[in-house]
Amino acid sequence: MSGFCVECEPLSIGDVSFGVTDVAMKFLNCFQGDVKSHTRSVTAPIRKIEDILSELIEIQEECSDDNWDDEGAVAISISAMFEAMQFIRLLPVHLKLPDIAPSANGAINFEWRKDDFICNVELSGINEIVYSAYFSKVNRDYGMKPYFGKIPNKVIELIESMS
């Protein structure tokens, strides 16, 4: 398996690099500037991340007006889309990537499932992360935390339980 380090110095003009695709360089550029960078495998789910980022753009475009579902749904803002993109980029490498969907309350919903367990995270573009996890009728966890470019440890722990 190949990999690259997003904390490393970028190549200068004239430097030679073998086996680094344009997609890998695009992926690398996405991570430059993150508060805490990670080493990611070039063969990791880059395509899946790109697909999710594209899907987030589509969701925002299709749901950018109030009542997008003909049932009174709140519009999904560009700031909600940007928060959701940042969230995807900040997910630790070892975590399974989520399914995503628009929420009628103007948020973007991320969902992880494992057997009968479910974990949801919602981002509305207001620097707040809303989370819930259902393990059984009596074993649930939910709450809200501030979200300023760092995924709260509690949320990471709940997502890890779904991986």
Protein backbone atom coordinates (compact mmCIF):
# COMPACT_ATOMS: atom_id res chain seq x y z
CA MET A 1 0.00 0.00 0.00
CA SER A 2 1.29 3.47 -0.91
CA GLY A 3 0.85 6.61 1.11
CA PHE A 4 1.79 10.23 1.37
CA CYS A 5 2.26 12.61 4.23
CA VAL A 6 0.23 15.78 4.25
CA GLU A 7 2.61 17.28 6.81
CA CYS A 8 5.59 17.02 4.46
CA GLU A 9 7.07 19.85 2.43
CA PRO A 10 5.54 20.16 -1.05
CA LEU A 11 7.73 19.34 -4.02
CA SER A 12 9.51 22.21 -5.72
CA ILE A 13 9.59 22.75 -9.47
CA GLY A 14 12.05 20.28 -10.92
CA ASP A 15 11.65 17.74 -8.12
CA VAL A 16 10.81 14.27 -9.28
CA SER A 17 8.04 12.20 -7.75
CA PHE A 18 6.96 8.81 -9.05
CA GLY A 19 3.50 7.39 -8.55
CA VAL A 20 1.69 10.50 -7.28
CA THR A 21 -1.47 11.05 -9.30
CA ASP A 22 -3.33 14.30 -9.85
CA VAL A 23 -6.09 12.93 -7.62
CA ALA A 24 -3.58 12.31 -4.82
CA MET A 25 -2.21 15.84 -5.16
CA LYS A 26 -5.75 17.27 -5.11
CA PHE A 27 -6.41 15.25 -1.96
CA LEU A 28 -3.16 16.51 -0.44
CA ASN A 29 -4.08 20.12 -1.17
CA CYS A 30 -7.40 19.66 0.65
CA PHE A 31 -5.56 18.78 3.83
CA GLN A 32 -2.95 21.53 3.76
CA GLY A 33 -3.90 24.07 6.37
CA ASP A 34 -5.79 21.68 8.64
CA VAL A 35 -5.05 22.25 12.31
CA LYS A 36 -3.98 18.64 12.72
CA SER A 37 -2.95 16.79 9.59
CA HIS A 38 -3.03 13.04 9.13
CA THR A 39 -1.15 10.57 7.00
CA ARG A 40 -3.60 8.99 4.60
CA SER A 41 -3.14 6.12 2.24
CA VAL A 42 -3.27 6.98 -1.44
CA THR A 43 -5.30 3.80 -1.88
CA ALA A 44 -7.66 4.80 0.96
CA PRO A 45 -11.20 5.76 0.03
CA ILE A 46 -10.22 8.92 -1.85
CA ARG A 47 -12.94 8.30 -4.41
CA LYS A 48 -15.53 7.88 -1.63
CA ILE A 49 -14.44 11.16 -0.01
CA GLU A 50 -14.61 12.93 -3.38
CA ASP A 51 -18.05 11.41 -3.93
CA ILE A 52 -19.26 12.64 -0.53
CA LEU A 53 -17.90 16.14 -1.15
CA SER A 54 -19.64 16.23 -4.55
CA GLU A 55 -22.83 14.93 -2.97
CA LEU A 56 -22.69 17.70 -0.35
CA ILE A 57 -22.54 20.30 -3.12
CA GLU A 58 -25.50 18.66 -4.88
CA ILE A 59 -27.51 18.54 -1.64
CA GLN A 60 -26.92 22.22 -0.99
CA GLU A 61 -27.82 23.19 -4.56
CA GLU A 62 -30.99 21.06 -4.60
CA CYS A 63 -32.07 22.14 -1.10
CA SER A 64 -31.04 25.81 -1.18
CA ASP A 65 -34.62 27.15 -1.07
CA ASP A 66 -37.09 26.82 1.77
CA ASN A 67 -39.72 24.13 1.23
CA TRP A 68 -37.37 22.05 -0.95
CA ASP A 69 -39.27 18.93 0.06
CA ASP A 70 -42.75 20.45 -0.50
CA GLU A 71 -43.39 19.86 3.20
CA GLY A 72 -41.92 23.05 4.69
CA ALA A 73 -38.24 22.08 4.97
CA VAL A 74 -35.72 24.78 5.83
CA ALA A 75 -33.14 25.63 3.14
CA ILE A 76 -29.66 24.15 3.53
CA SER A 77 -27.18 27.02 3.69
CA ILE A 78 -23.77 27.24 2.09
CA SER A 79 -22.29 27.49 5.60
CA ALA A 80 -23.90 24.13 6.47
CA MET A 81 -22.32 22.63 3.35
CA PHE A 82 -18.88 24.07 4.23
CA GLU A 83 -19.12 22.79 7.81
CA ALA A 84 -20.09 19.36 6.48
CA MET A 85 -17.14 19.36 4.05
CA GLN A 86 -14.77 20.30 6.84
CA PHE A 87 -16.25 17.57 9.05
CA ILE A 88 -15.60 14.92 6.38
CA ARG A 89 -12.01 16.14 5.95
CA LEU A 90 -11.42 16.00 9.71
CA LEU A 91 -12.69 12.46 10.26
CA PRO A 92 -9.84 10.24 11.46
CA VAL A 93 -8.60 7.80 8.81
CA HIS A 94 -9.65 4.68 10.70
CA LEU A 95 -13.34 5.64 10.79
CA LYS A 96 -15.89 4.36 8.34
CA LEU A 97 -17.29 7.10 6.10
CA PRO A 98 -20.96 7.97 6.65
CA ASP A 99 -24.04 8.10 4.49
CA ILE A 100 -25.31 11.66 4.08
CA ALA A 101 -28.70 13.26 3.59
CA PRO A 102 -30.37 16.66 3.88
CA SER A 103 -32.44 17.27 6.98
CA ALA A 104 -35.76 19.15 6.97
CA ASN A 105 -34.42 21.46 9.70
CA GLY A 106 -31.74 22.90 7.37
CA ALA A 107 -28.94 20.61 8.53
CA ILE A 108 -26.82 18.04 6.75
CA ASN A 109 -27.13 14.65 8.39
CA PHE A 110 -24.34 12.06 8.57
CA GLU A 111 -25.30 8.51 9.49
CA TRP A 112 -23.34 5.42 10.48
CA ARG A 113 -24.93 2.01 11.01
CA LYS A 114 -23.65 -1.20 12.47
CA ASP A 115 -26.09 -4.07 12.90
CA ASP A 116 -29.06 -2.52 14.75
CA PHE A 117 -26.99 0.41 16.07
CA ILE A 118 -27.14 3.88 14.55
CA CYS A 119 -25.19 7.10 15.01
CA ASN A 120 -26.23 10.47 13.55
CA VAL A 121 -24.39 13.77 13.36
CA GLU A 122 -26.02 16.96 12.11
CA LEU A 123 -24.34 20.19 11.02
CA SER A 124 -26.37 23.33 10.28
CA GLY A 125 -23.61 25.87 9.63
CA ILE A 126 -24.01 27.54 13.03
CA ASN A 127 -20.85 26.17 14.72
CA GLU A 128 -22.80 23.52 16.55
CA ILE A 129 -22.71 19.75 16.19
CA VAL A 130 -25.78 17.73 17.16
CA TYR A 131 -25.25 14.01 17.70
CA SER A 132 -27.21 10.94 18.69
CA ALA A 133 -26.41 7.26 19.00
CA TYR A 134 -28.87 4.45 19.59
CA PHE A 135 -27.54 1.12 20.80
CA SER A 136 -30.79 -0.18 22.32
CA LYS A 137 -34.04 1.16 23.77
CA VAL A 138 -32.27 1.86 27.06
CA ASN A 139 -28.75 2.62 25.80
CA ARG A 140 -28.73 5.95 23.98
CA ASP A 141 -26.47 8.96 23.85
CA TYR A 142 -27.19 12.36 22.40
CA GLY A 143 -26.32 16.01 22.76
CA MET A 144 -24.95 19.19 21.25
CA LYS A 145 -21.41 20.51 21.31
CA PRO A 146 -19.72 23.59 19.89
CA TYR A 147 -18.07 22.92 16.54
CA PHE A 148 -15.18 25.13 15.50
CA GLY A 149 -13.09 22.96 13.18
CA LYS A 150 -12.44 20.13 15.65
CA ILE A 151 -14.68 17.11 16.04
CA PRO A 152 -15.49 16.65 19.74
CA ASN A 153 -13.97 13.51 21.30
CA LYS A 154 -17.42 12.30 22.38
CA VAL A 155 -18.60 12.31 18.76
CA ILE A 156 -15.46 10.47 17.60
CA GLU A 157 -16.03 7.81 20.27
CA LEU A 158 -19.63 7.28 19.17
CA ILE A 159 -18.64 7.01 15.49
CA GLU A 160 -15.83 4.57 16.43
CA SER A 161 -18.42 2.33 18.06
CA MET A 162 -20.04 2.00 14.61
CA SER A 163 -16.82 0.99 12.82
